[in-house]
Amino acid sequence: MPQPKILVIPGSIRNRSHNARLAALAMKELTLADADVSQISLYDYPLPLYDPDHDMVSGPPHNAIKLKQMMAAHHGVFITSPEYNASISPLMKNTIDWVSRVRERGEPAYAAFRGRPFALGAASTDLLGGARGLMALRQTLELGCGALVLPEQVSVPDAENAFDDLDNLKDARQATALKTLARRLVEAAQQFS
């Protein structure tokens, strides 16, 4: 069976982001699970605040089109996203909103989201590990965009103390959960490829 292509997207562009560290670790686990993995930074794809009037007049920005094409070129997507006020990060929500508007060559709505599995993870300084933000992200992806989001997810609480000097997770249960989720995403991506 061919190697599935997996795209890893950290939902934070902060310096020393815990979610970027988790994304790098997810990339490592996906590679070990025999996937062809790419990671991007949303810093490299700036987008204006979503505005339907802009969309109707000018169409989606070039970076939204590039992100949509990149997602469509992969069999699965792994998103790590911080929690903002018990919800999805503004950066991740704005990215999803813009990408969801891109239609090329008569494609159906939400073409970048449908037909490919998504896996979710979060690292947060709070005790819930970003779990509330993942609920909002799951709702946006599943109900809003029609994506298949795997039921398993990884939440890393106390993120400032969760990683060792090599950026591995210190907690064996969290490390095992990430490894399991990575393998599950690779299996699901193979089924959909």
C-alpha atoms as a PDB file:
ATOM      1  CA  MET A   1       0.000   0.000   0.000  1.00  0.00           C
ATOM      2  CA  PRO A   2       1.435   3.457  -0.888  1.00  0.00           C
ATOM      3  CA  GLN A   3       2.590   5.822   1.825  1.00  0.00           C
ATOM      4  CA  PRO A   4      -0.213   8.218   2.751  1.00  0.00           C
ATOM      5  CA  LYS A   5       0.633  11.910   2.648  1.00  0.00           C
ATOM      6  CA  ILE A   6      -0.132  13.684   5.924  1.00  0.00           C
ATOM      7  CA  LEU A   7      -0.119  17.451   6.453  1.00  0.00           C
ATOM      8  CA  VAL A   8       0.688  18.745   9.959  1.00  0.00           C
ATOM      9  CA  ILE A   9      -0.601  22.215  10.847  1.00  0.00           C
ATOM     10  CA  PRO A  10       0.198  23.913  14.164  1.00  0.00           C
ATOM     11  CA  GLY A  11      -2.577  26.385  14.986  1.00  0.00           C
ATOM     12  CA  SER A  12      -0.179  28.794  16.666  1.00  0.00           C
ATOM     13  CA  ILE A  13       2.610  30.988  15.325  1.00  0.00           C
ATOM     14  CA  ARG A  14       3.878  32.157  18.715  1.00  0.00           C
ATOM     15  CA  ASN A  15       7.561  31.910  19.488  1.00  0.00           C
ATOM     16  CA  ARG A  16       8.246  28.752  21.496  1.00  0.00           C
ATOM     17  CA  SER A  17       4.664  27.586  20.962  1.00  0.00           C
ATOM     18  CA  HIS A  18       3.741  24.442  22.891  1.00  0.00           C
ATOM     19  CA  ASN A  19       1.503  23.452  19.977  1.00  0.00           C
ATOM     20  CA  ALA A  20       4.347  23.812  17.484  1.00  0.00           C
ATOM     21  CA  ARG A  21       6.369  21.481  19.719  1.00  0.00           C
ATOM     22  CA  LEU A  22       3.477  19.015  19.790  1.00  0.00           C
ATOM     23  CA  ALA A  23       3.159  19.297  15.991  1.00  0.00           C
ATOM     24  CA  ALA A  24       6.865  18.500  15.567  1.00  0.00           C
ATOM     25  CA  LEU A  25       6.447  15.465  17.802  1.00  0.00           C
ATOM     26  CA  ALA A  26       3.346  14.391  15.842  1.00  0.00           C
ATOM     27  CA  MET A  27       5.372  14.718  12.652  1.00  0.00           C
ATOM     28  CA  LYS A  28       7.993  12.390  14.117  1.00  0.00           C
ATOM     29  CA  GLU A  29       5.369   9.806  15.154  1.00  0.00           C
ATOM     30  CA  LEU A  30       3.662   9.990  11.753  1.00  0.00           C
ATOM     31  CA  THR A  31       6.987   9.403  10.025  1.00  0.00           C
ATOM     32  CA  LEU A  32       7.630   6.399  12.267  1.00  0.00           C
ATOM     33  CA  ALA A  33       4.151   5.158  11.291  1.00  0.00           C
ATOM     34  CA  ASP A  34       5.329   5.166   7.656  1.00  0.00           C
ATOM     35  CA  ALA A  35       3.638   8.325   6.383  1.00  0.00           C
ATOM     36  CA  ASP A  36       5.008  10.919   3.994  1.00  0.00           C
ATOM     37  CA  VAL A  37       4.729  13.972   6.257  1.00  0.00           C
ATOM     38  CA  SER A  38       4.800  17.706   5.548  1.00  0.00           C
ATOM     39  CA  GLN A  39       4.530  20.431   8.174  1.00  0.00           C
ATOM     40  CA  ILE A  40       3.684  24.060   7.507  1.00  0.00           C
ATOM     41  CA  SER A  41       3.551  27.206   9.579  1.00  0.00           C
ATOM     42  CA  LEU A  42       0.535  29.450   9.168  1.00  0.00           C
ATOM     43  CA  TYR A  43       2.996  32.322   9.604  1.00  0.00           C
ATOM     44  CA  ASP A  44       3.983  31.675   5.981  1.00  0.00           C
ATOM     45  CA  TYR A  45       0.356  31.999   4.799  1.00  0.00           C
ATOM     46  CA  PRO A  46      -0.989  35.276   6.216  1.00  0.00           C
ATOM     47  CA  LEU A  47      -4.671  35.896   5.607  1.00  0.00           C
ATOM     48  CA  PRO A  48      -6.879  38.915   6.261  1.00  0.00           C
ATOM     49  CA  LEU A  49      -9.734  38.567   8.709  1.00  0.00           C
ATOM     50  CA  TYR A  50     -12.473  36.647   6.903  1.00  0.00           C
ATOM     51  CA  ASP A  51     -15.001  39.018   5.336  1.00  0.00           C
ATOM     52  CA  PRO A  52     -17.782  37.702   3.070  1.00  0.00           C
ATOM     53  CA  ASP A  53     -17.877  41.034   1.198  1.00  0.00           C
ATOM     54  CA  HIS A  54     -14.191  40.685   0.320  1.00  0.00           C
ATOM     55  CA  ASP A  55     -14.847  37.083  -0.702  1.00  0.00           C
ATOM     56  CA  MET A  56     -17.717  38.035  -3.043  1.00  0.00           C
ATOM     57  CA  VAL A  57     -15.834  40.939  -4.648  1.00  0.00           C
ATOM     58  CA  SER A  58     -12.258  39.664  -4.866  1.00  0.00           C
ATOM     59  CA  GLY A  59     -12.559  35.957  -4.136  1.00  0.00           C
ATOM     60  CA  PRO A  60     -10.368  34.126  -1.640  1.00  0.00           C
ATOM     61  CA  PRO A  61      -6.829  35.441  -1.093  1.00  0.00           C
ATOM     62  CA  HIS A  62      -3.977  33.635  -2.847  1.00  0.00           C
ATOM     63  CA  ASN A  63      -2.777  32.102   0.454  1.00  0.00           C
ATOM     64  CA  ALA A  64      -6.225  30.589   1.079  1.00  0.00           C
ATOM     65  CA  ILE A  65      -6.077  28.966  -2.352  1.00  0.00           C
ATOM     66  CA  LYS A  66      -2.548  27.666  -1.680  1.00  0.00           C
ATOM     67  CA  LEU A  67      -3.598  26.222   1.692  1.00  0.00           C
ATOM     68  CA  LYS A  68      -6.661  24.569   0.169  1.00  0.00           C
ATOM     69  CA  GLN A  69      -4.554  23.014  -2.591  1.00  0.00           C
ATOM     70  CA  MET A  70      -2.011  21.813  -0.049  1.00  0.00           C
ATOM     71  CA  MET A  71      -4.710  20.187   2.090  1.00  0.00           C
ATOM     72  CA  ALA A  72      -6.274  18.583  -0.977  1.00  0.00           C
ATOM     73  CA  ALA A  73      -2.883  17.151  -1.980  1.00  0.00           C
ATOM     74  CA  HIS A  74      -2.657  15.213   1.304  1.00  0.00           C
ATOM     75  CA  HIS A  75      -4.594  12.129   2.408  1.00  0.00           C
ATOM     76  CA  GLY A  76      -4.897  13.273   6.029  1.00  0.00           C
ATOM     77  CA  VAL A  77      -4.333  16.305   8.253  1.00  0.00           C
ATOM     78  CA  PHE A  78      -3.037  16.562  11.832  1.00  0.00           C
ATOM     79  CA  ILE A  79      -3.838  19.865  13.556  1.00  0.00           C
ATOM     80  CA  THR A  80      -2.418  20.971  16.891  1.00  0.00           C
ATOM     81  CA  SER A  81      -4.226  24.010  18.206  1.00  0.00           C
ATOM     82  CA  PRO A  82      -4.135  26.119  21.334  1.00  0.00           C
ATOM     83  CA  GLU A  83      -7.241  26.965  23.306  1.00  0.00           C
ATOM     84  CA  TYR A  84      -8.392  30.577  23.463  1.00  0.00           C
ATOM     85  CA  ASN A  85     -11.171  31.332  25.957  1.00  0.00           C
ATOM     86  CA  ALA A  86     -12.380  27.714  25.896  1.00  0.00           C
ATOM     87  CA  SER A  87     -12.540  27.719  22.095  1.00  0.00           C
ATOM     88  CA  ILE A  88     -10.559  27.526  18.873  1.00  0.00           C
ATOM     89  CA  SER A  89      -7.661  29.921  18.274  1.00  0.00           C
ATOM     90  CA  PRO A  90      -8.537  32.929  16.087  1.00  0.00           C
ATOM     91  CA  LEU A  91      -5.703  32.049  13.699  1.00  0.00           C
ATOM     92  CA  MET A  92      -7.006  28.509  13.157  1.00  0.00           C
ATOM     93  CA  LYS A  93     -10.633  29.610  12.820  1.00  0.00           C
ATOM     94  CA  ASN A  94      -9.780  32.304  10.283  1.00  0.00           C
ATOM     95  CA  THR A  95      -7.695  29.833   8.285  1.00  0.00           C
ATOM     96  CA  ILE A  96     -10.521  27.288   8.218  1.00  0.00           C
ATOM     97  CA  ASP A  97     -13.051  29.957   7.262  1.00  0.00           C
ATOM     98  CA  TRP A  98     -10.969  31.118   4.286  1.00  0.00           C
ATOM     99  CA  VAL A  99      -9.981  27.634   3.094  1.00  0.00           C
ATOM    100  CA  SER A 100     -13.611  26.518   3.293  1.00  0.00           C
ATOM    101  CA  ARG A 101     -14.552  29.231   0.774  1.00  0.00           C
ATOM    102  CA  VAL A 102     -12.148  28.145  -1.982  1.00  0.00           C
ATOM    103  CA  ARG A 103     -13.827  26.504  -4.978  1.00  0.00           C
ATOM    104  CA  GLU A 104     -11.772  25.509  -7.996  1.00  0.00           C
ATOM    105  CA  ARG A 105     -12.961  24.063 -11.286  1.00  0.00           C
ATOM    106  CA  GLY A 106     -16.519  23.414 -10.148  1.00  0.00           C
ATOM    107  CA  GLU A 107     -15.549  21.583  -6.953  1.00  0.00           C
ATOM    108  CA  PRO A 108     -18.213  20.978  -4.328  1.00  0.00           C
ATOM    109  CA  ALA A 109     -18.219  23.035  -1.152  1.00  0.00           C
ATOM    110  CA  TYR A 110     -15.607  22.127   1.476  1.00  0.00           C
ATOM    111  CA  ALA A 111     -13.556  20.060  -0.970  1.00  0.00           C
ATOM    112  CA  ALA A 112     -10.402  20.372   1.160  1.00  0.00           C
ATOM    113  CA  PHE A 113     -12.147  18.924   4.207  1.00  0.00           C
ATOM    114  CA  ARG A 114     -14.352  16.158   2.839  1.00  0.00           C
ATOM    115  CA  GLY A 115     -12.875  12.796   2.007  1.00  0.00           C
ATOM    116  CA  ARG A 116      -9.844  13.044   4.268  1.00  0.00           C
ATOM    117  CA  PRO A 117      -9.409  12.245   7.969  1.00  0.00           C
ATOM    118  CA  PHE A 118      -8.265  14.809  10.510  1.00  0.00           C
ATOM    119  CA  ALA A 119      -6.522  14.185  13.844  1.00  0.00           C
ATOM    120  CA  LEU A 120      -6.452  16.780  16.628  1.00  0.00           C
ATOM    121  CA  GLY A 121      -4.081  17.599  19.438  1.00  0.00           C
ATOM    122  CA  ALA A 122      -3.560  20.462  21.858  1.00  0.00           C
ATOM    123  CA  ALA A 123      -0.983  21.526  24.394  1.00  0.00           C
ATOM    124  CA  SER A 124      -1.973  24.073  27.012  1.00  0.00           C
ATOM    125  CA  THR A 125      -0.721  25.453  30.296  1.00  0.00           C
ATOM    126  CA  ASP A 126      -4.097  24.726  31.913  1.00  0.00           C
ATOM    127  CA  LEU A 127      -5.170  21.482  33.571  1.00  0.00           C
ATOM    128  CA  LEU A 128      -7.472  20.403  30.710  1.00  0.00           C
ATOM    129  CA  GLY A 129      -4.715  20.508  28.107  1.00  0.00           C
ATOM    130  CA  GLY A 130      -6.725  22.477  25.566  1.00  0.00           C
ATOM    131  CA  ALA A 131      -9.568  19.938  25.482  1.00  0.00           C
ATOM    132  CA  ARG A 132     -12.279  22.632  25.342  1.00  0.00           C
ATOM    133  CA  GLY A 133     -10.588  24.224  22.336  1.00  0.00           C
ATOM    134  CA  LEU A 134     -10.438  20.824  20.644  1.00  0.00           C
ATOM    135  CA  MET A 135     -14.197  20.409  21.155  1.00  0.00           C
ATOM    136  CA  ALA A 136     -14.785  23.694  19.323  1.00  0.00           C
ATOM    137  CA  LEU A 137     -12.294  22.766  16.599  1.00  0.00           C
ATOM    138  CA  ARG A 138     -13.932  19.359  16.182  1.00  0.00           C
ATOM    139  CA  GLN A 139     -17.359  21.010  15.866  1.00  0.00           C
ATOM    140  CA  THR A 140     -16.072  23.470  13.248  1.00  0.00           C
ATOM    141  CA  LEU A 141     -14.419  20.751  11.190  1.00  0.00           C
ATOM    142  CA  GLU A 142     -17.141  18.085  11.482  1.00  0.00           C
ATOM    143  CA  LEU A 143     -20.371  20.087  11.502  1.00  0.00           C
ATOM    144  CA  GLY A 144     -19.181  23.185   9.672  1.00  0.00           C
ATOM    145  CA  CYS A 145     -16.953  21.636   7.012  1.00  0.00           C
ATOM    146  CA  GLY A 146     -18.044  17.989   6.814  1.00  0.00           C
ATOM    147  CA  ALA A 147     -14.618  16.598   7.733  1.00  0.00           C
ATOM    148  CA  LEU A 148     -14.028  13.172   9.214  1.00  0.00           C
ATOM    149  CA  VAL A 149     -12.368  13.875  12.576  1.00  0.00           C
ATOM    150  CA  LEU A 150     -10.954  10.850  14.360  1.00  0.00           C
ATOM    151  CA  PRO A 151     -12.589  10.256  17.771  1.00  0.00           C
ATOM    152  CA  GLU A 152      -9.210   9.978  19.504  1.00  0.00           C
ATOM    153  CA  GLN A 153      -7.364  13.184  20.342  1.00  0.00           C
ATOM    154  CA  VAL A 154      -4.352  14.251  22.397  1.00  0.00           C
ATOM    155  CA  SER A 155      -4.542  16.854  25.167  1.00  0.00           C
ATOM    156  CA  VAL A 156      -1.335  17.866  26.918  1.00  0.00           C
ATOM    157  CA  PRO A 157      -1.913  19.808  30.159  1.00  0.00           C
ATOM    158  CA  ASP A 158       0.772  21.779  32.029  1.00  0.00           C
ATOM    159  CA  ALA A 159       2.527  22.173  28.686  1.00  0.00           C
ATOM    160  CA  GLU A 160       5.392  24.272  29.989  1.00  0.00           C
ATOM    161  CA  ASN A 161       6.526  21.195  31.980  1.00  0.00           C
ATOM    162  CA  ALA A 162       5.256  18.442  29.660  1.00  0.00           C
ATOM    163  CA  PHE A 163       8.248  18.182  27.288  1.00  0.00           C
ATOM    164  CA  ASP A 164      11.737  16.925  28.099  1.00  0.00           C
ATOM    165  CA  ASP A 165      15.012  18.387  26.803  1.00  0.00           C
ATOM    166  CA  LEU A 166      14.616  16.477  23.514  1.00  0.00           C
ATOM    167  CA  ASP A 167      11.021  17.754  23.083  1.00  0.00           C
ATOM    168  CA  ASN A 168       9.482  14.355  23.807  1.00  0.00           C
ATOM    169  CA  LEU A 169       6.495  14.096  26.090  1.00  0.00           C
ATOM    170  CA  LYS A 170       7.500  13.188  29.637  1.00  0.00           C
ATOM    171  CA  ASP A 171       4.206  11.491  30.476  1.00  0.00           C
ATOM    172  CA  ALA A 172       4.169   7.938  29.089  1.00  0.00           C
ATOM    173  CA  ARG A 173       0.357   7.911  28.692  1.00  0.00           C
ATOM    174  CA  GLN A 174       0.402  11.101  26.625  1.00  0.00           C
ATOM    175  CA  ALA A 175       3.290   9.784  24.513  1.00  0.00           C
ATOM    176  CA  THR A 176       1.401   6.541  23.897  1.00  0.00           C
ATOM    177  CA  ALA A 177      -1.788   8.459  23.049  1.00  0.00           C
ATOM    178  CA  LEU A 178       0.092  10.547  20.481  1.00  0.00           C
ATOM    179  CA  LYS A 179       1.716   7.468  18.950  1.00  0.00           C
ATOM    180  CA  THR A 180      -1.667   5.698  18.789  1.00  0.00           C
ATOM    181  CA  LEU A 181      -3.346   8.729  17.216  1.00  0.00           C
ATOM    182  CA  ALA A 182      -0.585   9.057  14.616  1.00  0.00           C
ATOM    183  CA  ARG A 183      -0.957   5.390  13.643  1.00  0.00           C
ATOM    184  CA  ARG A 184      -4.729   5.694  13.541  1.00  0.00           C
ATOM    185  CA  LEU A 185      -4.489   8.710  11.221  1.00  0.00           C
ATOM    186  CA  VAL A 186      -2.110   6.856   8.899  1.00  0.00           C
ATOM    187  CA  GLU A 187      -4.491   3.867   8.764  1.00  0.00           C
ATOM    188  CA  ALA A 188      -7.488   6.107   8.075  1.00  0.00           C
ATOM    189  CA  ALA A 189      -5.576   8.038   5.415  1.00  0.00           C
ATOM    190  CA  GLN A 190      -4.669   4.765   3.678  1.00  0.00           C
ATOM    191  CA  GLN A 191      -8.333   3.805   3.563  1.00  0.00           C
ATOM    192  CA  PHE A 192      -9.307   7.157   2.031  1.00  0.00           C
ATOM    193  CA  SER A 193      -6.406   7.419  -0.423  1.00  0.00           C
END
